[in-house]
């Protein structure tokens, strides 16, 4: 039997395109019938963001990009519309802008327990759809427990930062690859795909990698 295609994905919880790209990639995998093994890697879009940002995502976007609030709202409206096209119901009016380093640490803990995929989906939905806070220990522990992780272990791990080195290693690897934006996909350590590409683009890459890996293609 052939080995699954390894897909390493660098992304951030507060990246709207990462969730959109996730849905398009998943659709490509389903359409192609590919056997894939996905591993998520840490990338912090704004590591200087405070845990409790005093303002809305509109304020944050306007301040960070140095643009008028009206222009920032236009950008938000556009991404909400694109998300809706892949059945994601973004609610920017309830999003808690925050620092995501603890969420990344938690994803490494989840990987150690074989629950990374479930937690990644849970965190993205919590942030963009449900208006949950994903920057504080207790809130993250609640979300982790929902996917079957031990809440006490999560609190301890996030408090002593035992997975912080893993987050830094991911960030360093991203720099080595020249990744300066997310989402970024690496297929079998050979092909890099940047951005939330269309499903057909992902499907074509999967088809090529499958052929090279010797996976049967229908």
C-alpha atoms as a PDB file:
ATOM      1  CA  UNK A   1       0.000   0.000   0.000  1.00  0.00           C
ATOM      2  CA  UNK A   2       1.226   3.494  -0.844  1.00  0.00           C
ATOM      3  CA  UNK A   3       1.904   6.010   1.891  1.00  0.00           C
ATOM      4  CA  UNK A   4      -0.530   8.899   2.412  1.00  0.00           C
ATOM      5  CA  UNK A   5       0.441  12.278   1.013  1.00  0.00           C
ATOM      6  CA  UNK A   6       1.854  14.404   3.831  1.00  0.00           C
ATOM      7  CA  UNK A   7       0.453  17.930   3.809  1.00  0.00           C
ATOM      8  CA  UNK A   8       2.001  20.407   6.230  1.00  0.00           C
ATOM      9  CA  UNK A   9      -0.130  23.510   6.704  1.00  0.00           C
ATOM     10  CA  UNK A  10       1.064  26.730   8.301  1.00  0.00           C
ATOM     11  CA  UNK A  11      -1.833  28.845   9.541  1.00  0.00           C
ATOM     12  CA  UNK A  12      -3.138  31.049  12.335  1.00  0.00           C
ATOM     13  CA  UNK A  13      -6.403  30.829  14.262  1.00  0.00           C
ATOM     14  CA  UNK A  14      -7.245  34.482  13.590  1.00  0.00           C
ATOM     15  CA  UNK A  15      -6.596  34.217   9.837  1.00  0.00           C
ATOM     16  CA  UNK A  16      -9.928  34.316   7.958  1.00  0.00           C
ATOM     17  CA  UNK A  17      -8.319  32.980   4.784  1.00  0.00           C
ATOM     18  CA  UNK A  18      -6.962  29.973   6.688  1.00  0.00           C
ATOM     19  CA  UNK A  19     -10.489  28.767   7.504  1.00  0.00           C
ATOM     20  CA  UNK A  20     -11.659  29.463   3.950  1.00  0.00           C
ATOM     21  CA  UNK A  21      -8.603  27.658   2.576  1.00  0.00           C
ATOM     22  CA  UNK A  22      -9.261  24.740   4.915  1.00  0.00           C
ATOM     23  CA  UNK A  23     -12.717  24.242   3.433  1.00  0.00           C
ATOM     24  CA  UNK A  24     -11.447  24.490  -0.150  1.00  0.00           C
ATOM     25  CA  UNK A  25      -8.602  22.070   0.552  1.00  0.00           C
ATOM     26  CA  UNK A  26     -10.966  19.616   2.231  1.00  0.00           C
ATOM     27  CA  UNK A  27     -13.268  19.773  -0.792  1.00  0.00           C
ATOM     28  CA  UNK A  28     -10.318  19.005  -3.065  1.00  0.00           C
ATOM     29  CA  UNK A  29      -9.284  16.007  -0.966  1.00  0.00           C
ATOM     30  CA  UNK A  30     -12.848  14.672  -1.099  1.00  0.00           C
ATOM     31  CA  UNK A  31     -13.154  15.254  -4.850  1.00  0.00           C
ATOM     32  CA  UNK A  32      -9.793  13.669  -5.579  1.00  0.00           C
ATOM     33  CA  UNK A  33     -10.293  10.769  -3.183  1.00  0.00           C
ATOM     34  CA  UNK A  34      -6.744  11.305  -1.975  1.00  0.00           C
ATOM     35  CA  UNK A  35      -5.182   9.646   1.051  1.00  0.00           C
ATOM     36  CA  UNK A  36      -3.624  12.520   2.983  1.00  0.00           C
ATOM     37  CA  UNK A  37      -2.025  13.076   6.359  1.00  0.00           C
ATOM     38  CA  UNK A  38      -2.396  16.668   7.508  1.00  0.00           C
ATOM     39  CA  UNK A  39      -0.258  18.358  10.135  1.00  0.00           C
ATOM     40  CA  UNK A  40      -0.891  21.940  11.203  1.00  0.00           C
ATOM     41  CA  UNK A  41       1.996  24.237  12.052  1.00  0.00           C
ATOM     42  CA  UNK A  42       2.115  27.486  13.986  1.00  0.00           C
ATOM     43  CA  UNK A  43       2.294  30.898  12.353  1.00  0.00           C
ATOM     44  CA  UNK A  44       1.520  34.073  14.280  1.00  0.00           C
ATOM     45  CA  UNK A  45       0.195  36.838  12.061  1.00  0.00           C
ATOM     46  CA  UNK A  46       0.353  39.413  14.853  1.00  0.00           C
ATOM     47  CA  UNK A  47       2.416  38.173  17.821  1.00  0.00           C
ATOM     48  CA  UNK A  48       2.348  41.644  19.361  1.00  0.00           C
ATOM     49  CA  UNK A  49      -1.445  41.617  19.763  1.00  0.00           C
ATOM     50  CA  UNK A  50      -2.544  41.778  23.414  1.00  0.00           C
ATOM     51  CA  UNK A  51      -4.645  38.929  24.770  1.00  0.00           C
ATOM     52  CA  UNK A  52      -7.510  41.323  25.396  1.00  0.00           C
ATOM     53  CA  UNK A  53      -7.353  43.805  22.538  1.00  0.00           C
ATOM     54  CA  UNK A  54      -9.296  46.941  23.468  1.00  0.00           C
ATOM     55  CA  UNK A  55     -11.420  47.255  20.368  1.00  0.00           C
ATOM     56  CA  UNK A  56     -13.218  45.456  17.585  1.00  0.00           C
ATOM     57  CA  UNK A  57     -11.707  43.584  14.626  1.00  0.00           C
ATOM     58  CA  UNK A  58     -12.654  46.666  12.583  1.00  0.00           C
ATOM     59  CA  UNK A  59     -10.586  48.861  14.905  1.00  0.00           C
ATOM     60  CA  UNK A  60      -7.722  46.381  14.776  1.00  0.00           C
ATOM     61  CA  UNK A  61      -7.679  46.134  10.995  1.00  0.00           C
ATOM     62  CA  UNK A  62      -7.922  49.891  10.582  1.00  0.00           C
ATOM     63  CA  UNK A  63      -5.089  50.554  13.043  1.00  0.00           C
ATOM     64  CA  UNK A  64      -2.795  47.785  11.825  1.00  0.00           C
ATOM     65  CA  UNK A  65      -3.084  48.579   8.129  1.00  0.00           C
ATOM     66  CA  UNK A  66      -3.343  52.331   8.597  1.00  0.00           C
ATOM     67  CA  UNK A  67      -6.579  52.580   6.653  1.00  0.00           C
ATOM     68  CA  UNK A  68      -9.901  54.303   7.203  1.00  0.00           C
ATOM     69  CA  UNK A  69     -12.584  52.342   9.091  1.00  0.00           C
ATOM     70  CA  UNK A  70     -14.763  52.418   5.970  1.00  0.00           C
ATOM     71  CA  UNK A  71     -12.042  50.722   3.946  1.00  0.00           C
ATOM     72  CA  UNK A  72     -11.490  48.163   6.691  1.00  0.00           C
ATOM     73  CA  UNK A  73     -15.225  47.415   6.722  1.00  0.00           C
ATOM     74  CA  UNK A  74     -15.151  46.853   2.972  1.00  0.00           C
ATOM     75  CA  UNK A  75     -12.348  44.303   3.464  1.00  0.00           C
ATOM     76  CA  UNK A  76     -14.321  42.550   6.199  1.00  0.00           C
ATOM     77  CA  UNK A  77     -17.484  42.465   4.100  1.00  0.00           C
ATOM     78  CA  UNK A  78     -15.541  40.911   1.238  1.00  0.00           C
ATOM     79  CA  UNK A  79     -14.049  38.127   3.341  1.00  0.00           C
ATOM     80  CA  UNK A  80     -17.426  37.419   4.983  1.00  0.00           C
ATOM     81  CA  UNK A  81     -18.928  36.987   1.532  1.00  0.00           C
ATOM     82  CA  UNK A  82     -16.170  34.640   0.374  1.00  0.00           C
ATOM     83  CA  UNK A  83     -16.518  32.626   3.590  1.00  0.00           C
ATOM     84  CA  UNK A  84     -20.256  32.298   3.001  1.00  0.00           C
ATOM     85  CA  UNK A  85     -19.521  30.781  -0.416  1.00  0.00           C
ATOM     86  CA  UNK A  86     -17.872  27.814   1.354  1.00  0.00           C
ATOM     87  CA  UNK A  87     -20.635  27.602   3.990  1.00  0.00           C
ATOM     88  CA  UNK A  88     -18.799  29.470   6.739  1.00  0.00           C
ATOM     89  CA  UNK A  89     -20.892  31.983   8.684  1.00  0.00           C
ATOM     90  CA  UNK A  90     -18.378  34.555   9.932  1.00  0.00           C
ATOM     91  CA  UNK A  91     -19.553  36.982  12.636  1.00  0.00           C
ATOM     92  CA  UNK A  92     -17.008  39.785  12.887  1.00  0.00           C
ATOM     93  CA  UNK A  93     -19.301  41.729  15.190  1.00  0.00           C
ATOM     94  CA  UNK A  94     -18.629  39.187  17.959  1.00  0.00           C
ATOM     95  CA  UNK A  95     -14.980  38.288  17.305  1.00  0.00           C
ATOM     96  CA  UNK A  96     -12.543  38.765  20.192  1.00  0.00           C
ATOM     97  CA  UNK A  97      -9.266  39.987  18.675  1.00  0.00           C
ATOM     98  CA  UNK A  98      -6.501  38.342  20.690  1.00  0.00           C
ATOM     99  CA  UNK A  99      -3.021  36.886  20.848  1.00  0.00           C
ATOM    100  CA  UNK A 100      -2.963  33.334  19.482  1.00  0.00           C
ATOM    101  CA  UNK A 101       0.271  31.927  20.897  1.00  0.00           C
ATOM    102  CA  UNK A 102      -1.538  29.874  23.556  1.00  0.00           C
ATOM    103  CA  UNK A 103      -3.873  28.467  20.920  1.00  0.00           C
ATOM    104  CA  UNK A 104      -0.814  27.341  18.960  1.00  0.00           C
ATOM    105  CA  UNK A 105       0.674  25.743  22.059  1.00  0.00           C
ATOM    106  CA  UNK A 106      -2.629  23.933  22.570  1.00  0.00           C
ATOM    107  CA  UNK A 107      -2.590  22.623  19.004  1.00  0.00           C
ATOM    108  CA  UNK A 108       0.773  21.005  19.703  1.00  0.00           C
ATOM    109  CA  UNK A 109      -0.643  19.346  22.813  1.00  0.00           C
ATOM    110  CA  UNK A 110      -3.578  18.129  20.732  1.00  0.00           C
ATOM    111  CA  UNK A 111      -1.185  16.715  18.142  1.00  0.00           C
ATOM    112  CA  UNK A 112       0.542  14.711  20.866  1.00  0.00           C
ATOM    113  CA  UNK A 113      -2.863  13.162  21.666  1.00  0.00           C
ATOM    114  CA  UNK A 114      -3.947  12.618  18.059  1.00  0.00           C
ATOM    115  CA  UNK A 115      -6.616  15.330  18.249  1.00  0.00           C
ATOM    116  CA  UNK A 116      -5.033  18.166  16.306  1.00  0.00           C
ATOM    117  CA  UNK A 117      -7.461  18.113  13.369  1.00  0.00           C
ATOM    118  CA  UNK A 118     -10.494  18.178  15.648  1.00  0.00           C
ATOM    119  CA  UNK A 119      -9.078  20.999  17.754  1.00  0.00           C
ATOM    120  CA  UNK A 120      -8.072  23.086  14.734  1.00  0.00           C
ATOM    121  CA  UNK A 121     -11.632  23.005  13.433  1.00  0.00           C
ATOM    122  CA  UNK A 122     -13.028  23.729  16.894  1.00  0.00           C
ATOM    123  CA  UNK A 123     -10.799  26.770  17.433  1.00  0.00           C
ATOM    124  CA  UNK A 124     -11.557  28.275  14.036  1.00  0.00           C
ATOM    125  CA  UNK A 125     -15.301  27.853  14.496  1.00  0.00           C
ATOM    126  CA  UNK A 126     -15.086  29.241  18.019  1.00  0.00           C
ATOM    127  CA  UNK A 127     -13.236  32.342  16.825  1.00  0.00           C
ATOM    128  CA  UNK A 128     -14.963  33.234  13.568  1.00  0.00           C
ATOM    129  CA  UNK A 129     -18.455  31.846  14.031  1.00  0.00           C
ATOM    130  CA  UNK A 130     -19.250  31.688  17.743  1.00  0.00           C
ATOM    131  CA  UNK A 131     -17.441  34.720  19.165  1.00  0.00           C
ATOM    132  CA  UNK A 132     -15.545  32.641  21.732  1.00  0.00           C
ATOM    133  CA  UNK A 133     -12.270  33.869  23.224  1.00  0.00           C
ATOM    134  CA  UNK A 134      -9.261  31.840  22.032  1.00  0.00           C
ATOM    135  CA  UNK A 135      -6.474  33.685  23.814  1.00  0.00           C
ATOM    136  CA  UNK A 136      -6.972  32.802  27.484  1.00  0.00           C
ATOM    137  CA  UNK A 137      -6.079  29.598  29.318  1.00  0.00           C
ATOM    138  CA  UNK A 138      -9.489  28.863  30.813  1.00  0.00           C
ATOM    139  CA  UNK A 139     -11.382  29.519  27.586  1.00  0.00           C
ATOM    140  CA  UNK A 140      -8.979  27.352  25.597  1.00  0.00           C
ATOM    141  CA  UNK A 141      -9.264  24.588  28.180  1.00  0.00           C
ATOM    142  CA  UNK A 142     -13.044  24.606  27.762  1.00  0.00           C
ATOM    143  CA  UNK A 143     -12.729  24.266  23.990  1.00  0.00           C
ATOM    144  CA  UNK A 144     -10.085  21.547  24.314  1.00  0.00           C
ATOM    145  CA  UNK A 145     -12.339  19.541  26.610  1.00  0.00           C
ATOM    146  CA  UNK A 146     -15.039  19.648  23.932  1.00  0.00           C
ATOM    147  CA  UNK A 147     -12.806  17.615  21.596  1.00  0.00           C
ATOM    148  CA  UNK A 148     -11.860  15.099  24.271  1.00  0.00           C
ATOM    149  CA  UNK A 149      -8.672  16.533  25.744  1.00  0.00           C
ATOM    150  CA  UNK A 150      -8.126  16.476  29.489  1.00  0.00           C
ATOM    151  CA  UNK A 151      -8.944  19.920  30.808  1.00  0.00           C
ATOM    152  CA  UNK A 152      -6.578  19.699  33.789  1.00  0.00           C
ATOM    153  CA  UNK A 153      -3.688  18.706  31.557  1.00  0.00           C
ATOM    154  CA  UNK A 154      -4.480  21.557  29.174  1.00  0.00           C
ATOM    155  CA  UNK A 155      -4.466  24.166  31.945  1.00  0.00           C
ATOM    156  CA  UNK A 156      -1.146  22.861  33.255  1.00  0.00           C
ATOM    157  CA  UNK A 157       0.463  22.739  29.796  1.00  0.00           C
ATOM    158  CA  UNK A 158      -0.648  26.246  28.862  1.00  0.00           C
ATOM    159  CA  UNK A 159       0.404  27.618  32.233  1.00  0.00           C
ATOM    160  CA  UNK A 160       3.939  26.239  32.098  1.00  0.00           C
ATOM    161  CA  UNK A 161       4.254  26.720  28.317  1.00  0.00           C
ATOM    162  CA  UNK A 162       5.647  23.238  27.738  1.00  0.00           C
ATOM    163  CA  UNK A 163       4.853  23.456  24.014  1.00  0.00           C
ATOM    164  CA  UNK A 164       6.241  26.941  23.461  1.00  0.00           C
ATOM    165  CA  UNK A 165       9.456  25.556  21.945  1.00  0.00           C
ATOM    166  CA  UNK A 166       7.389  23.637  19.378  1.00  0.00           C
ATOM    167  CA  UNK A 167       5.597  26.817  18.351  1.00  0.00           C
ATOM    168  CA  UNK A 168       8.930  28.600  17.923  1.00  0.00           C
ATOM    169  CA  UNK A 169      10.265  25.684  15.880  1.00  0.00           C
ATOM    170  CA  UNK A 170       7.286  25.942  13.514  1.00  0.00           C
ATOM    171  CA  UNK A 171       7.811  29.678  13.135  1.00  0.00           C
ATOM    172  CA  UNK A 172      11.519  29.115  12.433  1.00  0.00           C
ATOM    173  CA  UNK A 173      10.707  26.471   9.822  1.00  0.00           C
ATOM    174  CA  UNK A 174       8.282  28.850   8.145  1.00  0.00           C
ATOM    175  CA  UNK A 175      11.051  31.444   7.937  1.00  0.00           C
ATOM    176  CA  UNK A 176      13.419  28.841   6.469  1.00  0.00           C
ATOM    177  CA  UNK A 177      10.844  28.042   3.788  1.00  0.00           C
ATOM    178  CA  UNK A 178      10.365  31.739   3.077  1.00  0.00           C
ATOM    179  CA  UNK A 179       6.754  31.711   4.268  1.00  0.00           C
ATOM    180  CA  UNK A 180       5.589  35.243   5.069  1.00  0.00           C
ATOM    181  CA  UNK A 181       1.831  34.748   4.923  1.00  0.00           C
ATOM    182  CA  UNK A 182      -0.746  32.082   5.588  1.00  0.00           C
ATOM    183  CA  UNK A 183      -2.292  29.725   4.806  1.00  0.00           C
ATOM    184  CA  UNK A 184       0.679  27.948   3.264  1.00  0.00           C
ATOM    185  CA  UNK A 185       0.604  24.303   2.226  1.00  0.00           C
ATOM    186  CA  UNK A 186       3.596  22.015   1.673  1.00  0.00           C
ATOM    187  CA  UNK A 187       2.874  18.744  -0.139  1.00  0.00           C
ATOM    188  CA  UNK A 188       5.265  15.848   0.552  1.00  0.00           C
ATOM    189  CA  UNK A 189       8.001  18.384   1.390  1.00  0.00           C
ATOM    190  CA  UNK A 190       8.274  19.186  -2.324  1.00  0.00           C
ATOM    191  CA  UNK A 191       5.523  21.541  -3.460  1.00  0.00           C
ATOM    192  CA  UNK A 192       4.436  24.743  -1.765  1.00  0.00           C
ATOM    193  CA  UNK A 193       1.047  26.353  -2.316  1.00  0.00           C
ATOM    194  CA  UNK A 194       0.350  29.789  -0.896  1.00  0.00           C
ATOM    195  CA  UNK A 195      -3.039  31.194   0.001  1.00  0.00           C
ATOM    196  CA  UNK A 196      -6.646  30.030   0.048  1.00  0.00           C
ATOM    197  CA  UNK A 197      -6.554  28.680  -3.497  1.00  0.00           C
ATOM    198  CA  UNK A 198      -9.590  27.437  -5.350  1.00  0.00           C
ATOM    199  CA  UNK A 199     -10.604  23.817  -4.824  1.00  0.00           C
ATOM    200  CA  UNK A 200      -9.617  22.917  -8.392  1.00  0.00           C
ATOM    201  CA  UNK A 201      -6.088  24.232  -7.831  1.00  0.00           C
ATOM    202  CA  UNK A 202      -5.681  22.070  -4.744  1.00  0.00           C
ATOM    203  CA  UNK A 203      -7.149  19.113  -6.631  1.00  0.00           C
ATOM    204  CA  UNK A 204      -4.623  19.473  -9.450  1.00  0.00           C
ATOM    205  CA  UNK A 205      -1.712  19.608  -7.002  1.00  0.00           C
ATOM    206  CA  UNK A 206      -3.015  16.527  -5.203  1.00  0.00           C
ATOM    207  CA  UNK A 207      -3.368  14.689  -8.502  1.00  0.00           C
ATOM    208  CA  UNK A 208       0.213  15.451  -9.448  1.00  0.00           C
ATOM    209  CA  UNK A 209       1.602  14.479  -6.052  1.00  0.00           C
ATOM    210  CA  UNK A 210      -0.480  11.291  -6.006  1.00  0.00           C
ATOM    211  CA  UNK A 211       0.901  10.255  -9.383  1.00  0.00           C
ATOM    212  CA  UNK A 212       4.461  10.856  -8.227  1.00  0.00           C
ATOM    213  CA  UNK A 213       3.828   9.008  -4.950  1.00  0.00           C
ATOM    214  CA  UNK A 214       2.329   6.012  -6.727  1.00  0.00           C
ATOM    215  CA  UNK A 215      -1.157   6.391  -5.268  1.00  0.00           C
ATOM    216  CA  UNK A 216      -3.837   4.862  -7.516  1.00  0.00           C
ATOM    217  CA  UNK A 217      -5.934   7.493  -9.284  1.00  0.00           C
ATOM    218  CA  UNK A 218      -9.465   6.705 -10.369  1.00  0.00           C
END
